[in-house]
Amino acid sequence: MSGLWIAQTEGAKFWLPAMNDLKNRGLQAILIACVEGFPEAIETLYPQAAVQLCIVHLVGT
């Protein structure tokens, strides 16, 4: 399932409605998510999902 959303920033404030859109269109579960800066959006809607920083941010920290 995919979608296209355009925004000025990529924080949780933007991604929560985008993730809600996916959930409303039938996304039932996320097993693992590799993200850059919005784990809260995924954790809110899919608390069972494993969330990991993208490799660039994981190596950089």
N, C-alpha and C. Protein backbone atom coordinates (compact mmCIF):
# COMPACT_ATOMS: atom_id res chain seq x y z
N MET A 1 0.85 -1.15 0.00
CA MET A 1 0.00 0.00 0.00
C MET A 1 0.90 1.22 0.00
N SER A 2 0.56 2.21 -0.76
CA SER A 2 1.40 3.40 -0.81
C SER A 2 0.54 4.65 -0.91
N GLY A 3 1.20 5.78 -0.78
CA GLY A 3 0.54 7.06 -0.90
C GLY A 3 1.57 8.13 -1.16
N LEU A 4 1.10 9.31 -1.50
CA LEU A 4 1.99 10.44 -1.75
C LEU A 4 1.44 11.63 -0.99
N TRP A 5 2.26 12.17 -0.09
CA TRP A 5 1.88 13.32 0.71
C TRP A 5 2.98 14.36 0.59
N ILE A 6 2.61 15.60 0.46
CA ILE A 6 3.58 16.69 0.31
C ILE A 6 3.44 17.63 1.50
N ALA A 7 4.59 17.99 2.10
CA ALA A 7 4.57 18.88 3.26
C ALA A 7 5.87 19.65 3.33
N GLN A 8 5.88 20.70 4.14
CA GLN A 8 7.07 21.52 4.36
C GLN A 8 8.09 20.80 5.23
N THR A 9 7.61 19.97 6.16
CA THR A 9 8.50 19.25 7.09
C THR A 9 8.11 17.78 7.11
N GLU A 10 8.90 16.97 7.82
CA GLU A 10 8.61 15.54 7.86
C GLU A 10 8.46 15.02 9.29
N GLY A 11 7.99 15.85 10.18
CA GLY A 11 7.84 15.44 11.57
C GLY A 11 6.56 14.65 11.81
N ALA A 12 6.40 14.22 13.06
CA ALA A 12 5.24 13.42 13.45
C ALA A 12 3.93 14.16 13.22
N LYS A 13 3.94 15.47 13.35
CA LYS A 13 2.74 16.27 13.16
C LYS A 13 2.18 16.10 11.75
N PHE A 14 3.07 15.96 10.79
CA PHE A 14 2.65 15.71 9.41
C PHE A 14 2.32 14.24 9.18
N TRP A 15 3.15 13.35 9.71
CA TRP A 15 3.03 11.94 9.39
C TRP A 15 1.87 11.23 10.07
N LEU A 16 1.40 11.74 11.19
CA LEU A 16 0.27 11.08 11.86
C LEU A 16 -0.96 11.04 10.95
N PRO A 17 -1.37 12.15 10.31
CA PRO A 17 -2.50 12.06 9.37
C PRO A 17 -2.19 11.16 8.16
N ALA A 18 -0.95 11.16 7.69
CA ALA A 18 -0.58 10.30 6.57
C ALA A 18 -0.70 8.82 6.97
N MET A 19 -0.22 8.49 8.15
CA MET A 19 -0.32 7.11 8.63
C MET A 19 -1.78 6.73 8.89
N ASN A 20 -2.56 7.69 9.37
CA ASN A 20 -3.99 7.47 9.57
C ASN A 20 -4.67 7.16 8.25
N ASP A 21 -4.26 7.86 7.19
CA ASP A 21 -4.81 7.62 5.86
C ASP A 21 -4.54 6.17 5.43
N LEU A 22 -3.31 5.71 5.63
CA LEU A 22 -2.98 4.33 5.28
C LEU A 22 -3.81 3.34 6.09
N LYS A 23 -3.97 3.62 7.38
CA LYS A 23 -4.76 2.73 8.24
C LYS A 23 -6.22 2.70 7.78
N ASN A 24 -6.75 3.87 7.43
CA ASN A 24 -8.14 3.95 6.96
C ASN A 24 -8.34 3.24 5.63
N ARG A 25 -7.27 3.11 4.84
CA ARG A 25 -7.36 2.41 3.56
C ARG A 25 -7.04 0.93 3.68
N GLY A 26 -6.86 0.44 4.91
CA GLY A 26 -6.76 -1.00 5.11
C GLY A 26 -5.44 -1.53 5.62
N LEU A 27 -4.46 -0.67 5.87
CA LEU A 27 -3.19 -1.15 6.42
C LEU A 27 -3.44 -1.64 7.84
N GLN A 28 -3.32 -2.95 8.05
CA GLN A 28 -3.67 -3.54 9.33
C GLN A 28 -2.51 -3.60 10.31
N ALA A 29 -1.30 -3.77 9.81
CA ALA A 29 -0.16 -3.92 10.72
C ALA A 29 1.13 -3.48 10.03
N ILE A 30 2.06 -3.01 10.83
CA ILE A 30 3.41 -2.72 10.38
C ILE A 30 4.32 -3.58 11.24
N LEU A 31 5.11 -4.42 10.61
CA LEU A 31 6.01 -5.28 11.37
C LEU A 31 7.26 -4.53 11.79
N ILE A 32 7.88 -3.81 10.84
CA ILE A 32 9.07 -3.02 11.14
C ILE A 32 9.04 -1.78 10.28
N ALA A 33 9.44 -0.67 10.86
CA ALA A 33 9.51 0.59 10.12
C ALA A 33 10.89 1.19 10.31
N CYS A 34 11.51 1.55 9.22
CA CYS A 34 12.81 2.22 9.25
C CYS A 34 12.54 3.67 8.91
N VAL A 35 12.69 4.56 9.88
CA VAL A 35 12.25 5.94 9.72
C VAL A 35 13.38 6.92 10.02
N GLU A 36 13.13 8.17 9.64
CA GLU A 36 14.12 9.21 9.84
C GLU A 36 13.78 10.10 11.03
N GLY A 37 12.52 10.40 11.24
CA GLY A 37 12.24 11.32 12.32
C GLY A 37 10.81 11.37 12.79
N PHE A 38 10.05 10.33 12.54
CA PHE A 38 8.65 10.38 12.97
C PHE A 38 8.18 9.07 13.61
N PRO A 39 8.97 8.49 14.51
CA PRO A 39 8.54 7.22 15.11
C PRO A 39 7.24 7.34 15.90
N GLU A 40 6.95 8.52 16.43
CA GLU A 40 5.75 8.70 17.24
C GLU A 40 4.48 8.41 16.44
N ALA A 41 4.46 8.79 15.17
CA ALA A 41 3.28 8.57 14.34
C ALA A 41 3.01 7.08 14.17
N ILE A 42 4.06 6.31 13.95
CA ILE A 42 3.90 4.87 13.79
C ILE A 42 3.55 4.23 15.13
N GLU A 43 4.25 4.62 16.18
CA GLU A 43 4.02 4.03 17.51
C GLU A 43 2.62 4.31 18.02
N THR A 44 2.04 5.45 17.64
CA THR A 44 0.69 5.80 18.07
C THR A 44 -0.35 4.87 17.44
N LEU A 45 -0.24 4.64 16.14
CA LEU A 45 -1.24 3.84 15.44
C LEU A 45 -0.93 2.35 15.40
N TYR A 46 0.35 2.01 15.45
CA TYR A 46 0.78 0.61 15.38
C TYR A 46 1.78 0.34 16.50
N PRO A 47 1.32 0.27 17.75
CA PRO A 47 2.24 0.12 18.89
C PRO A 47 3.05 -1.18 18.86
N GLN A 48 2.59 -2.19 18.12
CA GLN A 48 3.32 -3.45 18.05
C GLN A 48 4.47 -3.40 17.05
N ALA A 49 4.56 -2.35 16.24
CA ALA A 49 5.59 -2.24 15.21
C ALA A 49 6.98 -2.01 15.82
N ALA A 50 7.97 -2.65 15.26
CA ALA A 50 9.36 -2.38 15.64
C ALA A 50 9.82 -1.16 14.83
N VAL A 51 10.30 -0.13 15.51
CA VAL A 51 10.72 1.10 14.84
C VAL A 51 12.23 1.25 15.00
N GLN A 52 12.90 1.48 13.89
CA GLN A 52 14.36 1.64 13.88
C GLN A 52 14.72 2.89 13.08
N LEU A 53 15.75 3.60 13.53
CA LEU A 53 16.24 4.74 12.77
C LEU A 53 16.80 4.28 11.44
N CYS A 54 16.70 5.14 10.43
CA CYS A 54 17.32 4.81 9.15
C CYS A 54 18.83 4.69 9.36
N ILE A 55 19.50 3.99 8.49
CA ILE A 55 20.92 3.67 8.66
C ILE A 55 21.79 4.92 8.76
N VAL A 56 21.46 5.96 8.03
CA VAL A 56 22.25 7.20 8.07
C VAL A 56 22.22 7.79 9.47
N HIS A 57 21.04 7.84 10.10
CA HIS A 57 20.93 8.41 11.44
C HIS A 57 21.41 7.43 12.51
N LEU A 58 21.28 6.16 12.25
CA LEU A 58 21.75 5.15 13.20
C LEU A 58 23.27 5.18 13.31
N VAL A 59 23.95 5.28 12.18
CA VAL A 59 25.41 5.32 12.16
C VAL A 59 25.93 6.67 12.66
N GLY A 60 25.18 7.73 12.38
CA GLY A 60 25.61 9.08 12.75
C GLY A 60 25.49 9.39 14.23
N THR A 61 24.73 8.60 14.98
CA THR A 61 24.54 8.92 16.41
C THR A 61 25.41 8.07 17.30
